[in-house]
Amino acid sequence: MRPFRSIVLALALPLAAHVSAQAMTVTSATPLRPSPDGRELASMRAGAVVQAGPQNGSWTQVTVDGWLHVSMIGPKRDSFAVSVKSPAGALMRATPERTGAVIAQLNDGMGLQLVQRGDQWFRVKRTGWVPSKVLRAGATPAAPPAAPPAVPVAAATPPSAAPAPADSMPGDVAVAHRTAILSAPTGQTLGTLDSATRLVTGPVERGWVKVTLEGWVRQADVVPLDSASITAISAADLRAEPDKYRGRTVRWVVQVIAFQTADPLRKGLAEDEPYLLARGPGSESSLLYLALPASLVDLAKSIKPLSSVVVIARVRVGKSDPSGVPILDLQRIIQR
Protein backbone atom coordinates (compact mmCIF):
# COMPACT_ATOMS: atom_id res chain seq x y z
CA MET A 1 0.00 0.00 0.00
CA ARG A 2 2.86 2.43 0.64
CA PRO A 3 3.88 2.72 -3.05
CA PHE A 4 0.25 3.35 -4.04
CA ARG A 5 -0.11 6.04 -1.33
CA SER A 6 3.09 7.73 -2.51
CA ILE A 7 1.79 7.85 -6.06
CA VAL A 8 -1.50 9.41 -4.91
CA LEU A 9 0.35 12.09 -2.94
CA ALA A 10 2.66 12.84 -5.84
CA LEU A 11 -0.31 13.33 -8.15
CA ALA A 12 -2.07 15.53 -5.63
CA LEU A 13 0.81 18.00 -5.25
CA PRO A 14 0.44 19.72 -8.65
CA LEU A 15 -3.31 19.93 -8.09
CA ALA A 16 -2.79 21.59 -4.70
CA ALA A 17 -0.39 24.09 -6.23
CA HIS A 18 -2.97 24.94 -8.86
CA VAL A 19 -5.76 25.34 -6.35
CA SER A 20 -3.61 27.69 -4.23
CA ALA A 21 -3.96 30.41 -6.88
CA GLN A 22 -6.69 32.79 -5.70
CA ALA A 23 -8.65 35.46 -7.54
CA MET A 24 -8.00 38.84 -5.92
CA THR A 25 -8.86 42.45 -6.73
CA VAL A 26 -6.36 45.30 -6.92
CA THR A 27 -7.68 48.06 -4.64
CA SER A 28 -5.47 50.94 -5.84
CA ALA A 29 -3.19 51.74 -8.77
CA THR A 30 0.17 50.07 -8.29
CA PRO A 31 3.22 49.00 -10.33
CA LEU A 32 3.66 45.41 -11.49
CA ARG A 33 7.30 44.27 -11.20
CA PRO A 34 9.16 41.14 -12.39
CA SER A 35 10.51 40.74 -8.84
CA PRO A 36 9.84 42.61 -5.56
CA ASP A 37 12.82 44.88 -6.22
CA GLY A 38 12.58 44.88 -10.03
CA ARG A 39 11.82 47.67 -12.47
CA GLU A 40 8.23 48.66 -13.24
CA LEU A 41 6.67 46.56 -16.01
CA ALA A 42 3.18 48.02 -15.90
CA SER A 43 0.81 50.13 -13.85
CA MET A 44 -2.12 48.08 -12.53
CA ARG A 45 -5.47 49.85 -12.33
CA ALA A 46 -7.71 49.82 -9.30
CA GLY A 47 -10.42 47.17 -9.76
CA ALA A 48 -8.27 44.82 -11.85
CA VAL A 49 -8.78 41.12 -11.06
CA VAL A 50 -5.61 39.00 -10.83
CA GLN A 51 -4.68 35.47 -9.87
CA ALA A 52 -2.60 35.64 -6.70
CA GLY A 53 0.13 33.11 -5.97
CA PRO A 54 2.92 32.85 -3.38
CA GLN A 55 4.00 35.66 -1.06
CA ASN A 56 7.48 36.99 -0.35
CA GLY A 57 7.50 39.24 2.68
CA SER A 58 5.17 42.15 1.92
CA TRP A 59 4.88 41.19 -1.78
CA THR A 60 2.52 38.83 -3.61
CA GLN A 61 3.08 37.19 -6.97
CA VAL A 62 0.14 37.73 -9.31
CA THR A 63 -0.80 36.89 -12.88
CA VAL A 64 -2.65 39.48 -14.93
CA ASP A 65 -4.64 38.28 -17.93
CA GLY A 66 -6.31 40.52 -20.53
CA TRP A 67 -6.58 41.73 -24.13
CA LEU A 68 -4.32 43.95 -26.27
CA HIS A 69 -5.20 45.42 -29.65
CA VAL A 70 -3.13 43.90 -32.47
CA SER A 71 -1.55 47.31 -33.20
CA MET A 72 0.18 47.13 -29.80
CA ILE A 73 1.64 43.64 -30.29
CA GLY A 74 5.40 43.45 -30.86
CA PRO A 75 7.85 40.63 -31.58
CA LYS A 76 9.13 37.88 -29.31
CA ARG A 77 11.20 39.11 -26.37
CA ASP A 78 13.45 36.81 -24.32
CA SER A 79 11.32 33.81 -23.32
CA PHE A 80 8.04 35.58 -24.08
CA ALA A 81 6.06 34.90 -27.26
CA VAL A 82 5.17 38.57 -27.86
CA SER A 83 5.91 42.01 -26.43
CA VAL A 84 4.34 45.45 -26.17
CA LYS A 85 5.07 47.69 -29.17
CA SER A 86 4.09 51.23 -28.22
CA PRO A 87 6.41 54.05 -27.01
CA ALA A 88 3.48 55.52 -25.07
CA GLY A 89 2.57 52.16 -23.51
CA ALA A 90 -0.49 50.02 -24.18
CA LEU A 91 -3.80 49.53 -22.39
CA MET A 92 -4.67 45.95 -21.40
CA ARG A 93 -8.43 45.53 -21.33
CA ALA A 94 -10.76 43.05 -19.66
CA THR A 95 -12.62 42.37 -22.93
CA PRO A 96 -11.51 42.48 -26.61
CA GLU A 97 -13.02 45.86 -27.43
CA ARG A 98 -11.94 49.50 -27.11
CA THR A 99 -14.67 50.12 -24.55
CA GLY A 100 -13.46 47.25 -22.35
CA ALA A 101 -12.44 48.08 -18.78
CA VAL A 102 -8.73 48.91 -18.51
CA ILE A 103 -6.81 46.44 -16.35
CA ALA A 104 -3.33 47.87 -16.68
CA GLN A 105 -1.07 50.26 -18.58
CA LEU A 106 1.78 48.12 -20.00
CA ASN A 107 5.20 49.64 -20.64
CA ASP A 108 6.78 49.54 -24.09
CA GLY A 109 8.86 46.40 -24.64
CA MET A 110 7.22 44.39 -21.85
CA GLY A 111 7.30 40.65 -22.61
CA LEU A 112 4.01 38.74 -22.59
CA GLN A 113 2.74 35.17 -22.79
CA LEU A 114 0.29 34.60 -25.63
CA VAL A 115 -2.98 32.95 -24.58
CA GLN A 116 -5.19 33.50 -27.63
CA ARG A 117 -4.61 35.07 -31.04
CA GLY A 118 -7.36 36.95 -32.89
CA ASP A 119 -7.73 39.20 -35.95
CA GLN A 120 -7.92 42.44 -33.95
CA TRP A 121 -7.23 41.43 -30.34
CA PHE A 122 -4.69 39.15 -28.65
CA ARG A 123 -5.28 37.65 -25.23
CA VAL A 124 -2.05 37.84 -23.21
CA LYS A 125 -0.87 37.40 -19.64
CA ARG A 126 2.14 38.16 -17.46
CA THR A 127 3.20 37.13 -13.96
CA GLY A 128 4.80 39.67 -11.64
CA TRP A 129 4.81 41.06 -8.12
CA VAL A 130 2.71 43.72 -6.37
CA PRO A 131 2.54 44.90 -2.74
CA SER A 132 0.25 42.58 -0.77
CA LYS A 133 -1.48 45.56 0.85
CA VAL A 134 -3.16 46.56 -2.44
CA LEU A 135 -4.91 43.19 -2.84
CA ARG A 136 -8.35 42.20 -1.59
CA ALA A 137 -9.66 38.64 -1.70
CA GLY A 138 -12.32 37.96 -4.30
CA ALA A 139 -12.98 38.92 -7.91
CA THR A 140 -15.11 42.00 -7.30
CA PRO A 141 -13.85 44.81 -9.55
CA ALA A 142 -15.51 48.19 -9.43
CA ALA A 143 -18.57 48.35 -11.65
CA PRO A 144 -18.00 50.18 -14.96
CA PRO A 145 -19.52 53.64 -15.29
CA ALA A 146 -23.18 53.39 -16.11
CA ALA A 147 -24.42 54.88 -19.35
CA PRO A 148 -26.61 57.95 -18.91
CA PRO A 149 -30.32 57.10 -18.98
CA ALA A 150 -32.12 57.61 -22.25
CA VAL A 151 -34.32 60.71 -22.33
CA PRO A 152 -37.65 60.41 -24.16
CA VAL A 153 -37.94 62.89 -27.03
CA ALA A 154 -41.05 64.42 -25.56
CA ALA A 155 -39.35 65.02 -22.24
CA ALA A 156 -36.10 66.39 -23.67
CA THR A 157 -34.88 69.61 -22.06
CA PRO A 158 -35.62 72.59 -24.30
CA PRO A 159 -32.54 74.46 -25.56
CA SER A 160 -33.29 77.48 -23.43
CA ALA A 161 -33.33 75.51 -20.20
CA ALA A 162 -30.19 75.35 -18.08
CA PRO A 163 -28.58 71.87 -17.89
CA ALA A 164 -28.78 69.94 -14.66
CA PRO A 165 -25.77 70.62 -12.41
CA ALA A 166 -23.01 67.99 -12.66
CA ASP A 167 -21.39 66.29 -9.71
CA SER A 168 -18.80 68.54 -8.15
CA MET A 169 -15.66 68.34 -6.04
CA PRO A 170 -13.70 70.88 -4.01
CA GLY A 171 -11.58 73.16 -6.18
CA ASP A 172 -8.27 72.02 -4.63
CA VAL A 173 -7.60 68.32 -4.01
CA ALA A 174 -4.61 66.04 -3.40
CA VAL A 175 -3.90 62.64 -4.97
CA ALA A 176 -4.72 59.94 -2.39
CA HIS A 177 -2.29 57.37 -3.82
CA ARG A 178 -0.02 56.94 -6.84
CA THR A 179 -2.21 57.02 -9.93
CA ALA A 180 -2.15 57.55 -13.68
CA ILE A 181 -3.34 60.76 -15.36
CA LEU A 182 -5.13 60.24 -18.68
CA SER A 183 -5.87 62.52 -21.63
CA ALA A 184 -9.55 61.53 -21.31
CA PRO A 185 -11.57 59.01 -19.26
CA THR A 186 -10.80 56.34 -21.88
CA GLY A 187 -7.74 58.05 -23.39
CA GLN A 188 -4.01 57.40 -23.32
CA THR A 189 -1.93 57.69 -20.17
CA LEU A 190 0.01 60.95 -19.99
CA GLY A 191 2.01 60.10 -16.87
CA THR A 192 1.83 59.05 -13.23
CA LEU A 193 1.09 61.28 -10.25
CA ASP A 194 2.57 60.52 -6.84
CA SER A 195 0.48 60.67 -3.70
CA ALA A 196 -0.11 64.13 -2.23
CA THR A 197 0.24 65.84 -5.63
CA ARG A 198 -1.96 68.96 -5.52
CA LEU A 199 -4.53 69.42 -8.29
CA VAL A 200 -7.23 71.90 -9.24
CA THR A 201 -10.46 70.16 -10.24
CA GLY A 202 -12.80 70.85 -13.12
CA PRO A 203 -15.91 69.05 -14.41
CA VAL A 204 -16.85 65.62 -13.01
CA GLU A 205 -18.17 63.01 -15.42
CA ARG A 206 -19.24 59.47 -14.47
CA GLY A 207 -16.55 58.83 -11.89
CA TRP A 208 -13.82 60.88 -13.60
CA VAL A 209 -12.72 64.42 -12.77
CA LYS A 210 -10.81 66.76 -15.07
CA VAL A 211 -7.79 68.24 -13.28
CA THR A 212 -5.14 70.89 -13.80
CA LEU A 213 -1.62 70.33 -12.49
CA GLU A 214 0.58 73.30 -11.61
CA GLY A 215 4.33 72.85 -11.39
CA TRP A 216 7.71 73.70 -12.85
CA VAL A 217 9.81 72.25 -15.67
CA ARG A 218 13.12 73.30 -17.15
CA GLN A 219 12.75 76.08 -19.71
CA ALA A 220 14.99 74.19 -22.14
CA ASP A 221 12.54 71.26 -22.14
CA VAL A 222 9.53 73.16 -23.56
CA VAL A 223 8.74 74.71 -26.94
CA PRO A 224 5.80 76.79 -28.22
CA LEU A 225 2.67 74.77 -28.99
CA ASP A 226 2.65 75.76 -32.62
CA SER A 227 1.64 73.48 -35.47
CA ALA A 228 4.16 75.30 -37.66
CA SER A 229 7.05 74.50 -35.33
CA ILE A 230 9.69 72.23 -36.86
CA THR A 231 12.98 70.93 -35.58
CA ALA A 232 14.11 68.54 -38.31
CA ILE A 233 14.73 71.31 -40.85
CA SER A 234 18.36 72.21 -41.56
CA ALA A 235 20.11 75.36 -42.78
CA ALA A 236 20.78 73.49 -46.03
CA ASP A 237 17.01 73.02 -46.43
CA LEU A 238 16.49 76.77 -46.05
CA ARG A 239 19.06 77.57 -48.70
CA ALA A 240 17.72 74.92 -51.10
CA GLU A 241 14.07 76.05 -50.84
CA PRO A 242 14.15 79.55 -49.33
CA ASP A 243 10.50 80.35 -50.06
CA LYS A 244 9.10 77.08 -48.69
CA TYR A 245 10.12 77.74 -45.08
CA ARG A 246 9.61 81.51 -44.89
CA GLY A 247 7.69 82.34 -41.70
CA ARG A 248 8.16 78.89 -40.17
CA THR A 249 9.42 78.38 -36.61
CA VAL A 250 12.46 76.26 -35.74
CA ARG A 251 14.08 75.11 -32.52
CA TRP A 252 17.82 74.73 -33.03
CA VAL A 253 21.00 74.26 -31.08
CA VAL A 254 23.55 76.74 -32.46
CA GLN A 255 27.05 77.93 -31.61
CA VAL A 256 27.25 81.69 -31.07
CA ILE A 257 30.23 83.32 -32.79
CA ALA A 258 29.67 87.00 -32.04
CA PHE A 259 27.19 89.79 -31.36
CA GLN A 260 27.11 92.21 -34.32
CA THR A 261 25.13 95.04 -35.92
CA ALA A 262 24.25 94.96 -39.60
CA ASP A 263 26.01 97.09 -42.19
CA PRO A 264 24.50 98.06 -45.57
CA LEU A 265 26.07 94.99 -47.19
CA ARG A 266 23.93 92.60 -45.12
CA LYS A 267 20.92 92.30 -47.40
CA GLY A 268 17.79 91.23 -45.55
CA LEU A 269 18.84 92.99 -42.34
CA ALA A 270 18.10 96.63 -41.58
CA GLU A 271 21.10 98.90 -41.22
CA ASP A 272 22.44 98.77 -37.63
CA GLU A 273 20.01 95.98 -36.76
CA PRO A 274 21.52 93.84 -33.96
CA TYR A 275 22.04 90.15 -34.68
CA LEU A 276 23.99 87.12 -33.56
CA LEU A 277 26.42 85.58 -35.98
CA ALA A 278 26.11 81.85 -35.30
CA ARG A 279 26.99 78.46 -36.73
CA GLY A 280 24.68 75.46 -37.00
CA PRO A 281 22.21 74.06 -36.40
CA GLY A 282 23.72 71.12 -34.57
CA SER A 283 26.72 69.71 -36.38
CA GLU A 284 26.13 71.82 -39.52
CA SER A 285 28.84 74.38 -40.20
CA SER A 286 26.51 76.83 -41.93
CA LEU A 287 26.67 80.49 -40.92
CA LEU A 288 23.43 82.01 -39.59
CA TYR A 289 22.24 85.57 -38.99
CA LEU A 290 19.91 85.59 -35.95
CA ALA A 291 18.16 88.96 -35.79
CA LEU A 292 17.56 90.24 -32.27
CA PRO A 293 14.51 92.04 -30.89
CA ALA A 294 15.30 94.77 -28.35
CA SER A 295 14.19 92.49 -25.49
CA LEU A 296 16.96 89.96 -26.23
CA VAL A 297 19.88 92.29 -26.95
CA ASP A 298 21.26 92.37 -23.41
CA LEU A 299 21.04 88.59 -23.07
CA ALA A 300 22.71 88.11 -26.46
CA LYS A 301 25.58 90.41 -25.49
CA SER A 302 26.23 88.35 -22.35
CA ILE A 303 26.73 85.08 -24.25
CA LYS A 304 30.39 84.09 -24.49
CA PRO A 305 31.73 83.45 -28.00
CA LEU A 306 31.63 79.77 -29.08
CA SER A 307 28.93 78.97 -26.50
CA SER A 308 26.14 76.61 -27.57
CA VAL A 309 22.58 77.76 -26.95
CA VAL A 310 19.07 76.64 -27.85
CA VAL A 311 17.18 79.16 -29.96
CA ILE A 312 13.59 79.40 -31.11
CA ALA A 313 13.38 81.55 -34.21
CA ARG A 314 11.18 82.34 -37.19
CA VAL A 315 12.61 82.15 -40.71
CA ARG A 316 12.84 85.61 -42.28
CA VAL A 317 14.96 84.81 -45.32
CA GLY A 318 16.04 81.30 -46.25
CA LYS A 319 18.89 82.52 -48.47
CA SER A 320 20.04 86.14 -48.22
CA ASP A 321 21.89 88.11 -50.90
CA PRO A 322 24.71 88.01 -51.73
CA SER A 323 26.16 85.53 -49.21
CA GLY A 324 23.30 83.02 -49.14
CA VAL A 325 23.25 83.02 -45.29
CA PRO A 326 19.80 82.30 -43.76
CA ILE A 327 18.30 85.09 -41.63
CA LEU A 328 15.99 84.22 -38.74
CA ASP A 329 14.14 86.37 -36.20
CA LEU A 330 14.97 85.24 -32.68
CA GLN A 331 12.05 84.66 -30.31
CA ARG A 332 13.84 82.97 -27.44
CA ILE A 333 17.39 82.14 -26.34
CA ILE A 334 17.80 79.29 -23.88
CA GLN A 335 21.27 78.97 -22.39
CA ARG A 336 22.33 75.37 -21.78
Foldseek 3Di string as FASTA:
>chain_A
DVVVVVVVVVVCVVVVQVVQWFKKFFQAWWFFAAAPPHDGFWIFHGQFIWTWHDDDVQKIKTKHKFKWWPVQWACADDPAHIFGADQLFTFGFHDPDLPGHTGITGHGGRGWHWDADDPTMTITMDMGMTGNVRIDGDNDGDDAQDDDDDDDPVRDDDPVDDDDDADDDDQKDWAQAKDFDAPDPSHGTPGIDGGRQIWGWDGDDRHDIDTDHDDDDDPVVDDDPDPLEDAPDWLVNCLVPVVVQAFGKYKFKKFFAAWDADPPQFAPHDHRFIWTFIADRPPGGATATETEDPVCPVVRHPDDGRFIWIWMWGWHTSAGPPHGHTYTYTDDIGHD
